Protein backbone atom coordinates (compact mmCIF):
# COMPACT_ATOMS: atom_id res chain seq x y z
CA MET A 1 198.99 114.72 155.65
CA SER A 2 199.52 117.78 153.45
CA ASN A 3 197.59 121.03 153.73
CA PHE A 4 196.32 122.02 150.30
CA PHE A 5 194.45 125.01 151.72
CA SER A 6 195.82 127.84 153.86
CA VAL A 7 192.73 127.79 156.12
CA LYS A 8 190.85 125.00 157.89
CA ALA A 9 188.76 123.09 155.36
CA ILE A 10 185.75 120.76 155.39
CA ASP A 11 184.46 119.32 152.13
CA SER A 12 180.72 119.25 152.80
CA HIS A 13 179.65 117.47 149.62
CA VAL A 14 181.26 114.31 148.18
CA HIS A 15 179.78 111.01 146.98
CA MET A 16 180.39 107.25 147.21
CA THR A 17 178.40 104.50 145.50
CA THR A 18 180.63 101.38 145.51
CA TRP A 19 183.11 99.74 147.88
CA PRO A 20 186.26 100.92 146.00
CA ASP A 21 185.12 104.52 146.58
CA MET A 22 185.93 104.00 150.27
CA GLU A 23 189.70 103.89 149.76
CA TYR A 24 189.55 106.86 147.41
CA MET A 25 187.72 109.01 149.98
CA LEU A 26 189.95 107.99 152.88
CA ASN A 27 192.96 109.02 150.79
CA TYR A 28 191.20 112.15 149.54
CA ARG A 29 190.79 113.52 153.06
CA ARG A 30 194.43 112.90 153.90
CA ARG A 31 195.78 114.07 150.55
CA PHE A 32 194.27 117.54 150.80
CA GLY A 33 194.54 118.02 154.54
CA TYR A 34 190.82 118.28 155.27
CA GLU A 35 189.75 118.46 158.87
CA ASN A 36 186.56 116.67 157.82
CA VAL A 37 184.76 115.38 154.75
CA ASN A 38 181.00 114.83 154.46
CA ILE A 39 179.57 111.94 152.45
CA ALA A 40 176.32 113.00 150.77
CA CYS A 41 174.43 109.73 150.28
CA THR A 42 172.36 109.46 147.10
CA ASN A 43 170.29 106.29 147.03
CA GLU A 44 169.00 106.65 143.49
CA ARG A 45 167.74 103.10 142.94
CA ALA A 46 164.55 101.88 144.54
CA MET A 47 165.16 99.67 147.59
CA ASP A 48 168.98 100.03 147.36
CA PRO A 49 170.55 101.40 150.59
CA VAL A 50 174.16 101.11 149.43
CA CYS A 51 175.15 104.75 149.92
CA ASN A 52 173.77 104.90 153.45
CA ILE A 53 175.69 101.76 154.42
CA LEU A 54 178.94 102.95 152.87
CA GLY A 55 178.54 106.35 154.53
CA ALA A 56 178.17 104.74 157.95
CA ILE A 57 181.13 102.40 157.43
CA ILE A 58 183.52 105.16 156.40
CA LYS A 59 182.58 107.02 159.60
CA LEU A 60 183.69 103.93 161.51
CA GLU A 61 186.93 103.73 159.54
CA ASP A 62 187.81 107.41 159.99
CA PRO A 63 186.04 109.49 162.66
CA HIS A 64 186.83 112.67 160.71
CA PHE A 65 184.03 111.81 158.27
CA TYR A 66 180.48 113.07 158.42
CA ALA A 67 177.68 111.39 156.44
CA HIS A 68 174.26 112.67 155.43
CA SER A 69 171.92 109.75 154.73
CA ALA A 70 169.10 109.48 152.22
CA ILE A 71 165.53 108.19 152.17
CA ILE A 72 165.09 104.76 150.58
CA TYR A 73 162.06 104.32 148.33
CA PRO A 74 160.31 100.95 147.98
CA GLU A 75 159.57 101.49 144.30
CA PHE A 76 159.62 104.00 141.47
CA PRO A 77 157.22 105.56 140.83
CA VAL A 78 156.12 105.88 144.43
CA LYS A 79 152.53 104.97 145.14
CA ALA A 80 150.82 106.53 148.13
CA PRO A 81 150.29 105.58 150.85
CA VAL A 82 153.86 104.48 151.48
CA PRO A 83 153.88 100.84 152.66
CA ASP A 84 154.50 100.05 156.30
CA GLY A 85 158.22 100.03 157.00
CA TRP A 86 159.01 102.76 154.47
CA ASP A 87 157.61 105.73 156.38
CA PHE A 88 159.92 108.67 155.65
CA ALA A 89 159.88 110.17 159.14
CA ALA A 90 160.54 106.74 160.62
CA GLN A 91 163.47 106.29 158.24
CA ALA A 92 164.91 109.65 159.31
CA ALA A 93 164.59 108.64 162.95
CA GLU A 94 166.29 105.27 162.38
CA LEU A 95 169.14 106.87 160.42
CA ASP A 96 169.49 109.43 163.19
CA GLN A 97 169.77 106.59 165.73
CA ILE A 98 172.49 104.93 163.63
CA GLY A 99 174.55 108.11 163.92
CA PHE A 100 174.19 109.97 160.64
CA ASP A 101 174.82 113.70 160.77
CA GLY A 102 171.86 114.82 158.65
CA MET A 103 169.96 114.04 155.46
CA LYS A 104 170.89 114.33 151.81
CA MET A 105 168.03 115.03 149.39
CA LEU A 106 167.80 114.74 145.60
CA GLU A 107 164.02 114.64 145.50
CA THR A 108 163.69 117.94 143.63
CA LYS A 109 166.36 117.24 141.03
CA PRO A 110 164.39 116.78 137.77
CA THR A 111 165.64 113.26 137.05
CA TYR A 112 164.90 112.09 140.58
CA GLN A 113 161.43 113.57 140.75
CA LYS A 114 160.71 111.88 137.46
CA ASN A 115 161.41 108.61 139.32
CA THR A 116 159.42 109.36 142.46
CA CYS A 117 156.57 111.23 140.74
CA MET A 118 156.08 112.89 144.13
CA PRO A 119 156.06 116.67 144.57
CA MET A 120 158.08 117.75 147.57
CA ASP A 121 155.16 119.57 149.17
CA ASP A 122 152.95 116.48 149.04
CA PRO A 123 151.45 115.74 152.50
CA ILE A 124 153.27 112.39 152.49
CA TYR A 125 156.53 114.24 153.26
CA GLU A 126 155.07 116.46 155.97
CA PRO A 127 155.95 114.23 158.99
CA TYR A 128 159.47 113.84 157.61
CA PHE A 129 160.12 117.58 157.40
CA ALA A 130 158.48 118.10 160.78
CA TYR A 131 160.90 115.58 162.29
CA LEU A 132 163.94 117.24 160.70
CA GLU A 133 162.85 120.72 161.79
CA SER A 134 161.94 119.77 165.36
CA HIS A 135 165.17 117.79 165.87
CA GLY A 136 167.42 120.39 164.23
CA LYS A 137 168.69 117.97 161.60
CA HIS A 138 170.83 119.40 158.82
CA ILE A 139 169.88 118.79 155.16
CA VAL A 140 172.13 118.90 152.09
CA TRP A 141 169.50 119.42 149.40
CA HIS A 142 169.99 119.36 145.63
CA SER A 143 167.02 121.16 144.17
CA CYS A 144 166.36 122.32 140.62
CA ASP A 145 169.11 122.62 138.00
CA PRO A 146 170.44 125.38 135.72
CA GLU A 147 167.54 126.89 133.79
CA GLU A 148 169.36 126.42 130.47
CA PHE A 149 169.06 122.62 130.90
CA TRP A 150 165.42 123.00 129.77
CA ASP A 151 166.44 124.85 126.56
CA LYS A 152 168.00 122.77 123.77
CA ASP A 153 169.64 125.85 122.27
CA ARG A 154 171.33 126.85 125.54
CA ALA A 155 172.02 123.55 127.31
CA PRO A 156 175.76 122.75 127.40
CA ALA A 157 177.14 119.57 125.86
CA PHE A 158 177.79 117.97 129.26
CA ALA A 159 174.07 118.28 130.11
CA PHE A 160 173.17 116.11 127.14
CA GLU A 161 176.06 113.73 127.88
CA ASN A 162 174.86 113.16 131.46
CA GLY A 163 171.13 112.91 130.75
CA TRP A 164 170.47 116.38 132.20
CA PHE A 165 168.53 117.89 129.31
CA TYR A 166 164.95 118.39 130.46
CA GLY A 167 163.32 120.17 127.54
CA ASP A 168 161.51 117.21 125.98
CA GLY A 169 158.30 117.83 127.93
CA SER A 170 158.63 114.78 130.20
CA TYR A 171 160.20 116.59 133.16
CA VAL A 172 158.71 118.95 135.70
CA THR A 173 159.68 122.58 135.09
CA ASN A 174 162.32 124.43 137.08
CA ASP A 175 159.70 126.94 138.23
CA GLU A 176 157.58 124.13 139.65
CA LEU A 177 160.54 122.67 141.51
CA TYR A 178 161.29 126.05 143.10
CA ARG A 179 157.62 126.38 144.02
CA GLN A 180 157.70 123.04 145.84
CA VAL A 181 160.81 123.91 147.82
CA TYR A 182 159.53 127.32 148.87
CA ALA A 183 156.26 125.71 149.94
CA VAL A 184 158.23 123.40 152.25
CA LEU A 185 160.28 126.30 153.63
CA GLN A 186 157.13 128.31 154.32
CA ARG A 187 155.71 125.40 156.32
CA HIS A 188 159.01 124.71 158.09
CA PRO A 189 160.93 128.00 158.24
CA LYS A 190 163.45 126.75 160.82
CA LEU A 191 164.76 123.91 158.63
CA ARG A 192 168.55 123.73 158.56
CA VAL A 193 169.27 123.43 154.84
CA SER A 194 172.34 123.81 152.67
CA PHE A 195 171.09 124.12 149.11
CA ALA A 196 173.59 122.45 146.82
CA HIS A 197 175.14 124.26 143.88
CA PHE A 198 173.98 127.66 145.17
CA PHE A 199 170.36 126.53 144.62
CA PHE A 200 171.09 127.30 140.94
CA LEU A 201 170.48 130.97 141.71
CA SER A 202 173.93 132.21 140.69
CA ASP A 203 172.48 134.19 137.77
CA PHE A 204 170.03 135.84 140.18
CA PRO A 205 171.93 137.43 143.08
CA GLU A 206 168.86 139.33 144.30
CA ARG A 207 166.86 136.09 144.64
CA ALA A 208 169.75 134.44 146.47
CA ALA A 209 169.97 137.34 148.92
CA GLU A 210 166.21 137.32 149.50
CA LEU A 211 166.32 133.60 150.31
CA LEU A 212 169.05 134.07 152.91
CA ASP A 213 167.34 137.12 154.39
CA THR A 214 164.07 135.22 154.78
CA TYR A 215 165.25 131.88 156.21
CA GLU A 216 167.82 132.14 158.98
CA ASN A 217 168.95 128.51 158.85
CA VAL A 218 169.42 128.31 155.08
CA THR A 219 172.89 128.29 153.55
CA LEU A 220 174.07 128.00 149.95
CA ASP A 221 176.89 125.69 148.99
CA ILE A 222 179.32 126.55 146.22
CA THR A 223 179.78 122.97 145.09
CA PRO A 224 180.14 123.27 141.28
CA GLY A 225 177.52 123.76 139.28
CA ARG A 226 180.11 124.87 136.77
CA GLU A 227 177.89 127.65 135.42
CA MET A 228 177.92 129.17 138.89
CA TYR A 229 181.47 130.47 138.59
CA GLY A 230 180.79 132.09 135.24
CA ASN A 231 177.73 133.78 136.73
CA PHE A 232 179.67 134.96 139.78
CA THR A 233 181.98 136.73 137.34
CA LYS A 234 179.13 137.95 135.13
CA HIS A 235 177.63 139.67 138.20
CA TYR A 236 181.01 140.47 139.70
CA ASP A 237 180.16 143.65 141.62
CA ALA A 238 177.04 142.08 143.14
CA TYR A 239 178.88 138.95 144.24
CA HIS A 240 181.94 140.81 145.46
CA ALA A 241 179.59 142.41 147.99
CA PHE A 242 177.41 139.28 148.44
CA PHE A 243 180.26 137.02 149.56
CA ARG A 244 181.28 139.54 152.19
CA LYS A 245 177.79 140.26 153.46
CA TYR A 246 176.84 136.58 153.59
CA ALA A 247 180.22 135.07 154.43
CA ASP A 248 178.54 133.18 157.27
CA ARG A 249 175.85 131.69 154.97
CA ILE A 250 177.97 130.05 152.24
CA VAL A 251 179.43 126.53 152.43
CA PHE A 252 182.28 124.90 150.52
CA GLY A 253 181.87 121.55 148.75
CA SER A 254 183.36 119.81 145.73
CA ASP A 255 180.98 117.06 144.49
CA MET A 256 184.10 114.87 144.42
CA THR A 257 183.78 111.26 143.28
CA ARG A 258 186.34 108.57 142.56
CA ASP A 259 186.04 109.21 138.82
CA GLU A 260 186.45 112.97 139.43
CA PHE A 261 183.75 113.73 136.86
CA GLN A 262 183.75 117.46 137.61
CA GLY A 263 187.51 117.71 137.09
CA ALA A 264 190.78 116.38 138.49
CA ALA A 265 190.74 116.99 142.22
CA PRO A 266 193.78 119.35 142.49
CA ASP A 267 192.55 121.44 139.56
CA LEU A 268 188.96 121.69 140.74
CA LEU A 269 189.83 122.44 144.35
CA GLY A 270 192.48 124.90 143.25
CA ALA A 271 190.04 126.75 141.02
CA VAL A 272 187.37 127.10 143.73
CA TYR A 273 189.89 128.17 146.36
CA ARG A 274 191.55 130.60 143.93
CA PHE A 275 188.13 132.12 143.26
CA LEU A 276 187.52 132.62 146.97
CA THR A 277 190.91 133.92 148.05
CA THR A 278 192.44 135.87 145.16
CA GLY A 279 191.47 138.54 142.66
CA ASP A 280 192.96 136.54 139.81
CA ARG A 281 191.39 136.24 136.38
CA PHE A 282 191.69 132.69 135.05
CA ARG A 283 189.95 130.03 132.95
CA TYR A 284 188.52 126.76 134.18
CA TRP A 285 185.68 124.57 132.78
CA ASP A 286 186.06 126.79 129.68
CA LEU A 287 184.76 129.68 131.78
CA ASP A 288 186.33 133.06 132.40
CA ILE A 289 186.49 133.39 136.19
CA ARG A 290 187.46 136.34 138.35
CA GLY A 291 188.30 135.77 141.97
CA ILE A 292 186.57 137.74 144.72
CA GLY A 293 189.57 137.93 147.05
CA LEU A 294 188.09 137.23 150.47
CA CYS A 295 190.10 137.85 153.62
CA PRO A 296 191.31 134.71 155.46
CA ASP A 297 188.61 134.97 158.14
CA ASP A 298 185.77 135.04 155.62
CA ALA A 299 187.39 132.32 153.52
CA GLU A 300 187.64 130.06 156.58
CA LYS A 301 183.98 130.60 157.42
CA ILE A 302 183.05 129.33 153.97
CA MET A 303 185.66 126.56 153.89
CA SER A 304 184.76 125.07 157.27
CA GLY A 305 183.12 127.24 159.93
CA ASN A 306 179.66 127.51 158.44
CA PHE A 307 179.22 123.77 158.00
CA ARG A 308 180.53 123.15 161.50
CA ARG A 309 177.96 125.56 162.92
CA PHE A 310 175.18 123.15 161.94
CA CYS A 311 177.22 119.95 162.34
CA PRO A 312 179.65 120.66 165.21
CA ALA A 313 181.42 117.28 165.08
CA PRO A 314 180.87 113.93 163.32
CA ARG A 315 178.52 111.78 165.35
CA PRO A 316 179.62 108.29 166.43
CA ILE A 317 178.05 105.29 164.73
CA ASN A 318 175.86 102.98 166.80
CA LYS A 319 177.25 99.63 165.65
CA ALA A 320 174.29 97.58 166.81
CA ALA A 321 171.84 99.85 164.99
CA LEU A 322 173.98 99.77 161.86
CA ARG A 323 174.22 95.99 161.94
CA ALA A 324 170.45 95.72 162.23
CA TYR A 325 170.06 98.09 159.28
CA ILE A 326 172.50 96.05 157.19
CA ASP A 327 170.90 92.74 158.12
CA ARG A 328 167.51 94.02 157.03
CA ASN A 329 168.60 95.76 153.84
CA LEU A 330 171.76 94.12 152.48
CA GLU A 331 169.89 91.92 150.00
CA TYR A 332 168.77 95.06 148.16
CA VAL A 333 172.32 96.29 147.42
CA GLN A 334 172.48 95.79 143.67
CA ASP A 335 176.23 95.92 143.10
CA ALA A 336 177.34 92.36 143.90
CA PRO A 337 181.03 93.05 144.78
CA THR A 338 179.97 95.89 147.08
CA ARG A 339 177.30 93.71 148.69
CA ALA A 340 179.89 91.02 149.38
CA ALA A 341 182.37 93.52 150.81
CA ILE A 342 179.72 94.99 153.12
CA LEU A 343 178.77 91.52 154.38
CA ASP A 344 182.41 90.68 155.07
CA TYR A 345 182.93 93.97 156.90
CA ALA A 346 179.81 93.51 158.99
CA GLN A 347 180.76 89.98 160.01
CA LYS A 348 184.24 91.10 161.10
CA ASN A 349 183.50 94.49 162.63
CA LEU A 350 179.88 94.80 163.76
């Protein structure tokens, strides 16, 4: 196993959605010499638990993997009250029993909230957040998006290509999404949250600092959000100081997938690590980027130590609990080859 990085590294933010992704991720960890990799499960289709199941299985295949599971919704749009058997706090407790390391949330990404039609500060979520706070469960939470995605004159081409333009009046506003999240944090100030993609605050270093100063268990991940690295350079002096002051509150991640949609893995990882550890000026994602040149100790905090503080080691999977979860939910896995592969694995290994 090679060591791509010169410090210990944990990729806190990668994704799998189909069975072939398993082999890619197993190889990805070995290829780049990661101590650990965290699967962020995104169950974006109603009823379909595929990402949770794949996340649990890869933990069985390689104990160096973490996995953060996701709530499953019985339907989109969600209609309150949630039917028996779909209670969100009960789901979190069951996933905890299976051996997941935390929760992954997309509920305040504009496209996802358009599906659920449920604001995050709705009382229906209150027992869920209370459970996570009281049990010290870690959350990887994608909330909001770059503000230019609501402006047709400023949104980049890849936003339109991926269905991430929100300025047609059918999506909730970015301000409203931030309001919802802050309402949750005010009710549950001890929540352990890593906000993905720097909480899309990279153009607002003062707001990012205020967030970290207010909530002691909040961290910001530097998973691209490509615009983030342009904004770090745009506000270079502020972020040169920010990354040193808050070196223990920033978490590395890549958003890596088998199709490498953010960029070829060596190039993307090299660009992020170059930003952290050198003062180089370079171009990536058609952005002018200037590195902030952290010392090895601060770089290692961001690359691995900060995630490990909230998730000390990958938890073991309870095979009996996982088998029960699969037996109850397998029929809802929509991808037929993946459903067949999961059934075969369960019959042989669980």
